[in-house]
C-alpha atoms as a PDB file:
ATOM      1  CA  MET A   1       2.601  12.144  -5.119  1.00  0.00           C
ATOM      2  CA  ALA A   2      -1.207  12.783  -5.491  1.00  0.00           C
ATOM      3  CA  ILE A   3      -2.992   9.741  -6.385  1.00  0.00           C
ATOM      4  CA  LYS A   4      -6.786  10.777  -7.716  1.00  0.00           C
ATOM      5  CA  VAL A   5      -9.527   8.689  -8.684  1.00  0.00           C
ATOM      6  CA  GLY A   6      -8.686   6.745 -10.820  1.00  0.00           C
ATOM      7  CA  ASP A   7      -5.064   6.656 -11.216  1.00  0.00           C
ATOM      8  CA  ARG A   8      -3.077   3.967 -11.336  1.00  0.00           C
ATOM      9  CA  LEU A   9      -0.976   2.636  -7.245  1.00  0.00           C
ATOM     10  CA  PRO A  10       2.817   2.574  -8.247  1.00  0.00           C
ATOM     11  CA  GLU A  11       4.809   0.497  -8.407  1.00  0.00           C
ATOM     12  CA  GLY A  12       6.275  -0.465  -4.735  1.00  0.00           C
ATOM     13  CA  THR A  13       6.323  -4.450  -2.758  1.00  0.00           C
ATOM     14  CA  LEU A  14       4.993  -4.198   0.889  1.00  0.00           C
ATOM     15  CA  MET A  15       5.078  -7.374   3.636  1.00  0.00           C
ATOM     16  CA  GLU A  16       3.054  -8.759   4.531  1.00  0.00           C
ATOM     17  CA  LEU A  17       2.953 -11.109   7.522  1.00  0.00           C
ATOM     18  CA  GLY A  18       1.532 -14.344   7.389  1.00  0.00           C
ATOM     19  CA  ALA A  19       1.817 -18.070   8.792  1.00  0.00           C
ATOM     20  CA  GLN A  20       5.875 -19.112   7.576  1.00  0.00           C
ATOM     21  CA  GLY A  21       6.723 -15.470   8.716  1.00  0.00           C
ATOM     22  CA  PRO A  22       7.069 -11.537   7.027  1.00  0.00           C
ATOM     23  CA  ALA A  23       6.438 -11.887   2.755  1.00  0.00           C
ATOM     24  CA  PRO A  24       6.807  -9.356   0.036  1.00  0.00           C
ATOM     25  CA  VAL A  25       3.808  -8.317  -1.569  1.00  0.00           C
ATOM     26  CA  ASN A  26       3.358  -6.416  -4.969  1.00  0.00           C
ATOM     27  CA  VAL A  27       0.711  -3.623  -4.833  1.00  0.00           C
ATOM     28  CA  SER A  28      -0.218  -3.002  -8.567  1.00  0.00           C
ATOM     29  CA  GLU A  29      -1.059  -7.398  -8.692  1.00  0.00           C
ATOM     30  CA  ALA A  30      -2.742  -7.185  -5.445  1.00  0.00           C
ATOM     31  CA  ALA A  31      -5.278  -3.879  -6.299  1.00  0.00           C
ATOM     32  CA  LYS A  32      -5.021  -5.383  -9.780  1.00  0.00           C
ATOM     33  CA  GLY A  33      -8.867  -5.923 -10.888  1.00  0.00           C
ATOM     34  CA  LYS A  34     -10.078  -4.273  -7.261  1.00  0.00           C
ATOM     35  CA  LYS A  35     -11.412  -1.738  -5.526  1.00  0.00           C
ATOM     36  CA  ILE A  36      -9.490  -0.590  -2.886  1.00  0.00           C
ATOM     37  CA  VAL A  37      -8.941   3.208  -0.978  1.00  0.00           C
ATOM     38  CA  VAL A  38      -5.568   4.354   0.457  1.00  0.00           C
ATOM     39  CA  PHE A  39      -5.173   6.526   3.120  1.00  0.00           C
ATOM     40  CA  GLY A  40      -2.704   7.001   5.801  1.00  0.00           C
ATOM     41  CA  ILE A  41      -2.421   9.107   9.587  1.00  0.00           C
ATOM     42  CA  PRO A  42       0.376  10.685  10.161  1.00  0.00           C
ATOM     43  CA  GLY A  43       2.344   9.377  13.226  1.00  0.00           C
ATOM     44  CA  ALA A  44       1.936  11.288  16.802  1.00  0.00           C
ATOM     45  CA  PHE A  45       5.256  11.561  17.683  1.00  0.00           C
ATOM     46  CA  THR A  46       7.698  11.661  14.396  1.00  0.00           C
ATOM     47  CA  PRO A  47       9.093  14.714  14.617  1.00  0.00           C
ATOM     48  CA  THR A  48       7.542  17.166  11.129  1.00  0.00           C
END
């Protein structure tokens, strides 16, 4: 899936490590009203 400038982020949940331990974070709620940058780095030792 390609994301272009101006596209909305797809729905999803990430985990965030906080003071109380891991907690789910809704991606669209966390990014709402903000400009963000999305980038990815392939794993160096993962099979391709």
